[in-house]
C-alpha atoms as a PDB file:
ATOM      1  CA  UNK A   1      27.879  -3.358  -4.891  1.00  0.00           C
ATOM      2  CA  UNK A   2      26.519  -3.126  -8.436  1.00  0.00           C
ATOM      3  CA  UNK A   3      26.675   0.165 -10.292  1.00  0.00           C
ATOM      4  CA  UNK A   4      23.290   1.922 -10.667  1.00  0.00           C
ATOM      5  CA  UNK A   5      22.027   3.680 -13.786  1.00  0.00           C
ATOM      6  CA  UNK A   6      19.257   6.207 -14.366  1.00  0.00           C
ATOM      7  CA  UNK A   7      16.238   4.809 -16.220  1.00  0.00           C
ATOM      8  CA  UNK A   8      13.704   7.187 -17.830  1.00  0.00           C
ATOM      9  CA  UNK A   9      10.102   6.137 -18.529  1.00  0.00           C
ATOM     10  CA  UNK A  10       9.179   8.413 -21.415  1.00  0.00           C
ATOM     11  CA  UNK A  11       5.420   7.790 -21.191  1.00  0.00           C
ATOM     12  CA  UNK A  12       5.138   9.270 -17.702  1.00  0.00           C
ATOM     13  CA  UNK A  13       8.271  11.372 -17.233  1.00  0.00           C
ATOM     14  CA  UNK A  14       9.271   9.210 -14.261  1.00  0.00           C
ATOM     15  CA  UNK A  15      12.790   8.000 -13.652  1.00  0.00           C
ATOM     16  CA  UNK A  16      14.475   5.606 -11.259  1.00  0.00           C
ATOM     17  CA  UNK A  17      17.849   4.091 -10.485  1.00  0.00           C
ATOM     18  CA  UNK A  18      18.416   0.499 -11.513  1.00  0.00           C
ATOM     19  CA  UNK A  19      21.459  -1.585 -10.616  1.00  0.00           C
ATOM     20  CA  UNK A  20      23.306  -3.477 -13.335  1.00  0.00           C
ATOM     21  CA  UNK A  21      22.381  -6.754 -11.647  1.00  0.00           C
ATOM     22  CA  UNK A  22      18.677  -5.798 -11.422  1.00  0.00           C
ATOM     23  CA  UNK A  23      16.299  -6.092 -14.370  1.00  0.00           C
ATOM     24  CA  UNK A  24      14.278  -3.081 -15.514  1.00  0.00           C
ATOM     25  CA  UNK A  25      11.002  -4.625 -14.342  1.00  0.00           C
ATOM     26  CA  UNK A  26      12.247  -5.002 -10.765  1.00  0.00           C
ATOM     27  CA  UNK A  27      13.396  -1.404 -10.838  1.00  0.00           C
ATOM     28  CA  UNK A  28       9.927  -0.278 -11.949  1.00  0.00           C
ATOM     29  CA  UNK A  29       8.349  -2.235  -9.121  1.00  0.00           C
ATOM     30  CA  UNK A  30      10.579  -0.431  -6.618  1.00  0.00           C
ATOM     31  CA  UNK A  31       8.989   2.863  -7.750  1.00  0.00           C
ATOM     32  CA  UNK A  32       6.104   1.784  -5.534  1.00  0.00           C
ATOM     33  CA  UNK A  33       3.432   2.364  -8.166  1.00  0.00           C
ATOM     34  CA  UNK A  34       0.505   0.000  -8.142  1.00  0.00           C
ATOM     35  CA  UNK A  35      -0.454  -1.745 -11.353  1.00  0.00           C
ATOM     36  CA  UNK A  36       2.951  -2.563 -12.820  1.00  0.00           C
ATOM     37  CA  UNK A  37       2.088  -5.770 -14.693  1.00  0.00           C
ATOM     38  CA  UNK A  38       4.189  -8.710 -13.593  1.00  0.00           C
ATOM     39  CA  UNK A  39       3.806 -12.116 -15.147  1.00  0.00           C
ATOM     40  CA  UNK A  40       6.228 -14.983 -15.312  1.00  0.00           C
ATOM     41  CA  UNK A  41       9.410 -12.886 -14.745  1.00  0.00           C
ATOM     42  CA  UNK A  42      11.210 -15.263 -17.097  1.00  0.00           C
ATOM     43  CA  UNK A  43      10.674 -13.828 -20.566  1.00  0.00           C
ATOM     44  CA  UNK A  44       7.774 -16.058 -21.526  1.00  0.00           C
ATOM     45  CA  UNK A  45       4.534 -14.125 -21.049  1.00  0.00           C
ATOM     46  CA  UNK A  46       5.203 -10.742 -22.666  1.00  0.00           C
ATOM     47  CA  UNK A  47       3.275  -8.477 -20.285  1.00  0.00           C
ATOM     48  CA  UNK A  48       6.332  -6.337 -19.469  1.00  0.00           C
ATOM     49  CA  UNK A  49       7.182  -5.295 -23.046  1.00  0.00           C
ATOM     50  CA  UNK A  50       9.090  -2.023 -23.424  1.00  0.00           C
ATOM     51  CA  UNK A  51      10.812  -0.188 -26.264  1.00  0.00           C
ATOM     52  CA  UNK A  52      14.334   0.945 -25.361  1.00  0.00           C
ATOM     53  CA  UNK A  53      14.737   4.256 -27.212  1.00  0.00           C
ATOM     54  CA  UNK A  54      18.218   5.131 -25.912  1.00  0.00           C
ATOM     55  CA  UNK A  55      21.011   3.496 -23.966  1.00  0.00           C
ATOM     56  CA  UNK A  56      22.889   0.232 -23.710  1.00  0.00           C
ATOM     57  CA  UNK A  57      21.676  -2.907 -22.015  1.00  0.00           C
ATOM     58  CA  UNK A  58      22.190  -6.628 -21.678  1.00  0.00           C
ATOM     59  CA  UNK A  59      19.204  -8.668 -22.858  1.00  0.00           C
ATOM     60  CA  UNK A  60      18.763 -12.239 -21.705  1.00  0.00           C
ATOM     61  CA  UNK A  61      16.775 -14.883 -23.581  1.00  0.00           C
ATOM     62  CA  UNK A  62      13.109 -14.048 -24.296  1.00  0.00           C
ATOM     63  CA  UNK A  63      10.340 -16.061 -25.915  1.00  0.00           C
ATOM     64  CA  UNK A  64      10.128 -15.483 -29.685  1.00  0.00           C
ATOM     65  CA  UNK A  65       6.335 -15.618 -29.330  1.00  0.00           C
ATOM     66  CA  UNK A  66       6.548 -12.464 -27.177  1.00  0.00           C
ATOM     67  CA  UNK A  67       9.330 -10.562 -28.955  1.00  0.00           C
ATOM     68  CA  UNK A  68      10.139 -11.223 -32.610  1.00  0.00           C
ATOM     69  CA  UNK A  69      13.632 -10.902 -34.071  1.00  0.00           C
ATOM     70  CA  UNK A  70      12.459  -7.735 -35.862  1.00  0.00           C
ATOM     71  CA  UNK A  71      11.184  -6.182 -32.619  1.00  0.00           C
ATOM     72  CA  UNK A  72      14.382  -7.142 -30.815  1.00  0.00           C
ATOM     73  CA  UNK A  73      16.446  -5.433 -33.534  1.00  0.00           C
ATOM     74  CA  UNK A  74      14.363  -2.266 -32.983  1.00  0.00           C
ATOM     75  CA  UNK A  75      14.932  -2.295 -29.204  1.00  0.00           C
ATOM     76  CA  UNK A  76      11.610  -3.841 -28.178  1.00  0.00           C
ATOM     77  CA  UNK A  77      12.336  -6.152 -25.245  1.00  0.00           C
ATOM     78  CA  UNK A  78      10.836  -7.574 -22.074  1.00  0.00           C
ATOM     79  CA  UNK A  79      11.710  -5.527 -18.997  1.00  0.00           C
ATOM     80  CA  UNK A  80      12.135  -8.708 -16.941  1.00  0.00           C
ATOM     81  CA  UNK A  81      15.025  -9.807 -19.183  1.00  0.00           C
ATOM     82  CA  UNK A  82      16.929  -6.505 -19.593  1.00  0.00           C
ATOM     83  CA  UNK A  83      19.759  -5.222 -17.400  1.00  0.00           C
ATOM     84  CA  UNK A  84      21.121  -1.665 -17.790  1.00  0.00           C
ATOM     85  CA  UNK A  85      24.731  -1.014 -18.803  1.00  0.00           C
ATOM     86  CA  UNK A  86      24.242   2.760 -18.644  1.00  0.00           C
ATOM     87  CA  UNK A  87      21.504   5.391 -18.660  1.00  0.00           C
ATOM     88  CA  UNK A  88      18.420   4.123 -20.520  1.00  0.00           C
ATOM     89  CA  UNK A  89      15.194   5.623 -21.866  1.00  0.00           C
ATOM     90  CA  UNK A  90      12.181   3.366 -22.413  1.00  0.00           C
ATOM     91  CA  UNK A  91       8.632   3.648 -23.688  1.00  0.00           C
ATOM     92  CA  UNK A  92       6.236   1.132 -22.199  1.00  0.00           C
ATOM     93  CA  UNK A  93       4.060  -0.592 -24.802  1.00  0.00           C
ATOM     94  CA  UNK A  94       1.139  -3.004 -24.952  1.00  0.00           C
ATOM     95  CA  UNK A  95      -0.398  -4.235 -21.694  1.00  0.00           C
ATOM     96  CA  UNK A  96       2.279  -2.488 -19.671  1.00  0.00           C
ATOM     97  CA  UNK A  97       1.430   0.945 -21.148  1.00  0.00           C
ATOM     98  CA  UNK A  98      -2.175   0.705 -19.974  1.00  0.00           C
ATOM     99  CA  UNK A  99      -1.080  -0.032 -16.417  1.00  0.00           C
ATOM    100  CA  UNK A 100       1.860   2.378 -16.185  1.00  0.00           C
ATOM    101  CA  UNK A 101      -0.076   5.283 -17.689  1.00  0.00           C
ATOM    102  CA  UNK A 102      -3.169   4.753 -15.518  1.00  0.00           C
ATOM    103  CA  UNK A 103      -3.651   7.781 -13.302  1.00  0.00           C
ATOM    104  CA  UNK A 104      -0.929   9.888 -14.947  1.00  0.00           C
ATOM    105  CA  UNK A 105      -1.906  13.541 -14.920  1.00  0.00           C
ATOM    106  CA  UNK A 106      -2.290  15.570 -18.116  1.00  0.00           C
ATOM    107  CA  UNK A 107      -0.463  16.856 -20.110  1.00  0.00           C
ATOM    108  CA  UNK A 108       1.891  13.872 -19.873  1.00  0.00           C
ATOM    109  CA  UNK A 109      -0.949  11.401 -20.275  1.00  0.00           C
ATOM    110  CA  UNK A 110      -2.272  13.221 -23.334  1.00  0.00           C
ATOM    111  CA  UNK A 111       1.148  13.470 -24.948  1.00  0.00           C
ATOM    112  CA  UNK A 112       2.542   9.995 -24.422  1.00  0.00           C
ATOM    113  CA  UNK A 113       0.050   7.539 -22.969  1.00  0.00           C
ATOM    114  CA  UNK A 114      -2.602   5.745 -24.982  1.00  0.00           C
ATOM    115  CA  UNK A 115      -6.003   6.678 -24.030  1.00  0.00           C
END
């Protein structure tokens, strides 16, 4: 059985457990929230972009058209291609932020979600 790690979504204050053999996107889906954007699940569409602000992870190959080398160096990755190696904090960005933050109650939505 794979070890599980705590994942924090800074935009909403939510957290979930994600196994080392499960990508961050799948873990978010298990939260049961509607509207988590899911595209190709293979690192090619870019809809699941997140910024890892803390923690260690394994990142598999992603399309350079979705995540540049500069973004990758700053911790911006695609949730479908990232596997946790320990506790992680992420901020959802782009298309994902709009979906994840939809319906989040204030003050969290005012503090961290675009709007």
